[in-house]
Amino acid sequence: SSAVRSAVPSARSFWAAEDDHTKDCAECLGPEGLRDCRRDDGVIVFCGTVGGAISPIVLGRTYDVLGTYNPGFVALACLAGVGLVLAATLKRGRVDQP
């Protein structure tokens, strides 16, 4: 049982990683950038939550209408591809404050 506990990350280790991320943002971006970073993180989590809630409904409806999941999975793969392309276009490195 102790092996299982050590293999499963605790909520404390999750929040410690989040604190490290926040410190990194504060060092690179300053107080204004940290606020923007938190806002951006919130938008990302919100979009992921909405997508996770809606996609099973849409895929289920696709199966009901077409009798196959394939078009729904192709659409999700295309959306993932768009996200990958957008992520690849992000600027890397330190952001200078105006």
C-alpha atoms as a PDB file:
ATOM      1  CA  SER A   1       0.000   0.000   0.000  1.00  0.00           C
ATOM      2  CA  SER A   2       2.912   2.379   0.621  1.00  0.00           C
ATOM      3  CA  ALA A   3       4.158   1.665  -2.925  1.00  0.00           C
ATOM      4  CA  VAL A   4       0.760   2.656  -4.262  1.00  0.00           C
ATOM      5  CA  ARG A   5       0.764   5.869  -2.236  1.00  0.00           C
ATOM      6  CA  SER A   6       4.213   6.827  -3.510  1.00  0.00           C
ATOM      7  CA  ALA A   7       3.212   6.145  -7.140  1.00  0.00           C
ATOM      8  CA  VAL A   8       0.111   8.343  -6.981  1.00  0.00           C
ATOM      9  CA  PRO A   9       0.868  12.072  -6.870  1.00  0.00           C
ATOM     10  CA  SER A  10      -0.760  13.876  -4.015  1.00  0.00           C
ATOM     11  CA  ALA A  11      -2.705  17.093  -4.255  1.00  0.00           C
ATOM     12  CA  ARG A  12       0.106  18.721  -2.293  1.00  0.00           C
ATOM     13  CA  SER A  13       2.693  17.848  -4.957  1.00  0.00           C
ATOM     14  CA  PHE A  14       0.326  19.124  -7.664  1.00  0.00           C
ATOM     15  CA  TRP A  15      -0.074  22.501  -5.973  1.00  0.00           C
ATOM     16  CA  ALA A  16       3.664  22.677  -5.296  1.00  0.00           C
ATOM     17  CA  ALA A  17       4.256  22.318  -9.037  1.00  0.00           C
ATOM     18  CA  GLU A  18       1.675  25.053  -9.639  1.00  0.00           C
ATOM     19  CA  ASP A  19       3.533  27.317  -7.194  1.00  0.00           C
ATOM     20  CA  ASP A  20       6.775  26.683  -9.104  1.00  0.00           C
ATOM     21  CA  HIS A  21       5.003  27.605 -12.346  1.00  0.00           C
ATOM     22  CA  THR A  22       3.695  30.804 -10.754  1.00  0.00           C
ATOM     23  CA  LYS A  23       7.190  31.710  -9.495  1.00  0.00           C
ATOM     24  CA  ASP A  24       8.632  31.129 -12.974  1.00  0.00           C
ATOM     25  CA  CYS A  25       5.967  33.380 -14.487  1.00  0.00           C
ATOM     26  CA  ALA A  26       6.635  36.077 -11.878  1.00  0.00           C
ATOM     27  CA  GLU A  27      10.381  36.005 -12.554  1.00  0.00           C
ATOM     28  CA  CYS A  28       9.971  36.241 -16.330  1.00  0.00           C
ATOM     29  CA  LEU A  29       6.961  38.487 -16.630  1.00  0.00           C
ATOM     30  CA  GLY A  30       6.781  40.674 -13.543  1.00  0.00           C
ATOM     31  CA  PRO A  31       3.546  41.455 -11.654  1.00  0.00           C
ATOM     32  CA  GLU A  32       1.570  42.521 -14.724  1.00  0.00           C
ATOM     33  CA  GLY A  33       2.682  39.493 -16.678  1.00  0.00           C
ATOM     34  CA  LEU A  34       1.870  37.206 -13.770  1.00  0.00           C
ATOM     35  CA  ARG A  35      -1.712  38.458 -13.818  1.00  0.00           C
ATOM     36  CA  ASP A  36      -1.853  37.816 -17.561  1.00  0.00           C
ATOM     37  CA  CYS A  37      -0.315  34.371 -17.078  1.00  0.00           C
ATOM     38  CA  ARG A  38      -2.971  33.431 -14.536  1.00  0.00           C
ATOM     39  CA  ARG A  39      -5.706  34.732 -16.834  1.00  0.00           C
ATOM     40  CA  ASP A  40      -4.296  32.751 -19.749  1.00  0.00           C
ATOM     41  CA  ASP A  41      -4.054  29.608 -17.620  1.00  0.00           C
ATOM     42  CA  GLY A  42      -7.699  30.105 -16.647  1.00  0.00           C
ATOM     43  CA  VAL A  43      -8.765  30.422 -20.273  1.00  0.00           C
ATOM     44  CA  ILE A  44      -6.878  27.250 -21.177  1.00  0.00           C
ATOM     45  CA  VAL A  45      -8.435  25.283 -18.318  1.00  0.00           C
ATOM     46  CA  PHE A  46     -11.899  26.656 -19.156  1.00  0.00           C
ATOM     47  CA  CYS A  47     -11.598  25.662 -22.827  1.00  0.00           C
ATOM     48  CA  GLY A  48     -10.389  22.196 -21.881  1.00  0.00           C
ATOM     49  CA  THR A  49     -13.263  21.752 -19.468  1.00  0.00           C
ATOM     50  CA  VAL A  50     -15.857  22.879 -22.011  1.00  0.00           C
ATOM     51  CA  GLY A  51     -14.332  20.626 -24.663  1.00  0.00           C
ATOM     52  CA  GLY A  52     -14.285  17.696 -22.264  1.00  0.00           C
ATOM     53  CA  ALA A  53     -17.942  18.257 -21.449  1.00  0.00           C
ATOM     54  CA  ILE A  54     -19.193  18.822 -24.991  1.00  0.00           C
ATOM     55  CA  SER A  55     -17.172  16.350 -27.048  1.00  0.00           C
ATOM     56  CA  PRO A  56     -18.832  13.167 -25.666  1.00  0.00           C
ATOM     57  CA  ILE A  57     -22.243  14.655 -26.428  1.00  0.00           C
ATOM     58  CA  VAL A  58     -21.231  15.606 -29.962  1.00  0.00           C
ATOM     59  CA  LEU A  59     -19.554  12.243 -30.595  1.00  0.00           C
ATOM     60  CA  GLY A  60     -22.597  10.408 -29.254  1.00  0.00           C
ATOM     61  CA  ARG A  61     -24.894  12.391 -31.528  1.00  0.00           C
ATOM     62  CA  THR A  62     -22.547  11.729 -34.465  1.00  0.00           C
ATOM     63  CA  TYR A  63     -22.783   8.003 -33.782  1.00  0.00           C
ATOM     64  CA  ASP A  64     -26.584   8.163 -33.477  1.00  0.00           C
ATOM     65  CA  VAL A  65     -26.947   9.959 -36.801  1.00  0.00           C
ATOM     66  CA  LEU A  66     -24.174   8.350 -38.875  1.00  0.00           C
ATOM     67  CA  GLY A  67     -23.684   5.007 -37.141  1.00  0.00           C
ATOM     68  CA  THR A  68     -19.937   5.570 -36.759  1.00  0.00           C
ATOM     69  CA  TYR A  69     -17.598   7.608 -34.611  1.00  0.00           C
ATOM     70  CA  ASN A  70     -15.096   8.186 -37.433  1.00  0.00           C
ATOM     71  CA  PRO A  71     -16.245  11.679 -38.585  1.00  0.00           C
ATOM     72  CA  GLY A  72     -16.256  12.923 -34.992  1.00  0.00           C
ATOM     73  CA  PHE A  73     -12.779  11.607 -34.324  1.00  0.00           C
ATOM     74  CA  VAL A  74     -11.522  13.102 -37.597  1.00  0.00           C
ATOM     75  CA  ALA A  75     -12.976  16.472 -36.539  1.00  0.00           C
ATOM     76  CA  LEU A  76     -11.294  16.211 -33.117  1.00  0.00           C
ATOM     77  CA  ALA A  77      -7.993  15.286 -34.783  1.00  0.00           C
ATOM     78  CA  CYS A  78      -8.312  18.352 -37.032  1.00  0.00           C
ATOM     79  CA  LEU A  79      -8.961  20.573 -33.999  1.00  0.00           C
ATOM     80  CA  ALA A  80      -5.926  19.083 -32.276  1.00  0.00           C
ATOM     81  CA  GLY A  81      -3.891  19.804 -35.418  1.00  0.00           C
ATOM     82  CA  VAL A  82      -5.057  23.420 -35.425  1.00  0.00           C
ATOM     83  CA  GLY A  83      -4.060  23.705 -31.755  1.00  0.00           C
ATOM     84  CA  LEU A  84      -0.650  22.210 -32.524  1.00  0.00           C
ATOM     85  CA  VAL A  85      -0.059  24.696 -35.338  1.00  0.00           C
ATOM     86  CA  LEU A  86      -1.148  27.609 -33.142  1.00  0.00           C
ATOM     87  CA  ALA A  87       1.094  26.445 -30.297  1.00  0.00           C
ATOM     88  CA  ALA A  88       4.027  26.140 -32.702  1.00  0.00           C
ATOM     89  CA  THR A  89       3.600  29.790 -33.696  1.00  0.00           C
ATOM     90  CA  LEU A  90       3.952  31.083 -30.139  1.00  0.00           C
ATOM     91  CA  LYS A  91       7.021  33.128 -29.367  1.00  0.00           C
ATOM     92  CA  ARG A  92       9.556  31.434 -27.126  1.00  0.00           C
ATOM     93  CA  GLY A  93      11.827  32.893 -24.495  1.00  0.00           C
ATOM     94  CA  ARG A  94      11.564  35.795 -22.157  1.00  0.00           C
ATOM     95  CA  VAL A  95       8.839  38.324 -22.747  1.00  0.00           C
ATOM     96  CA  ASP A  96       9.973  41.931 -22.440  1.00  0.00           C
ATOM     97  CA  GLN A  97       7.587  44.307 -20.716  1.00  0.00           C
ATOM     98  CA  PRO A  98       6.675  47.457 -22.668  1.00  0.00           C
END
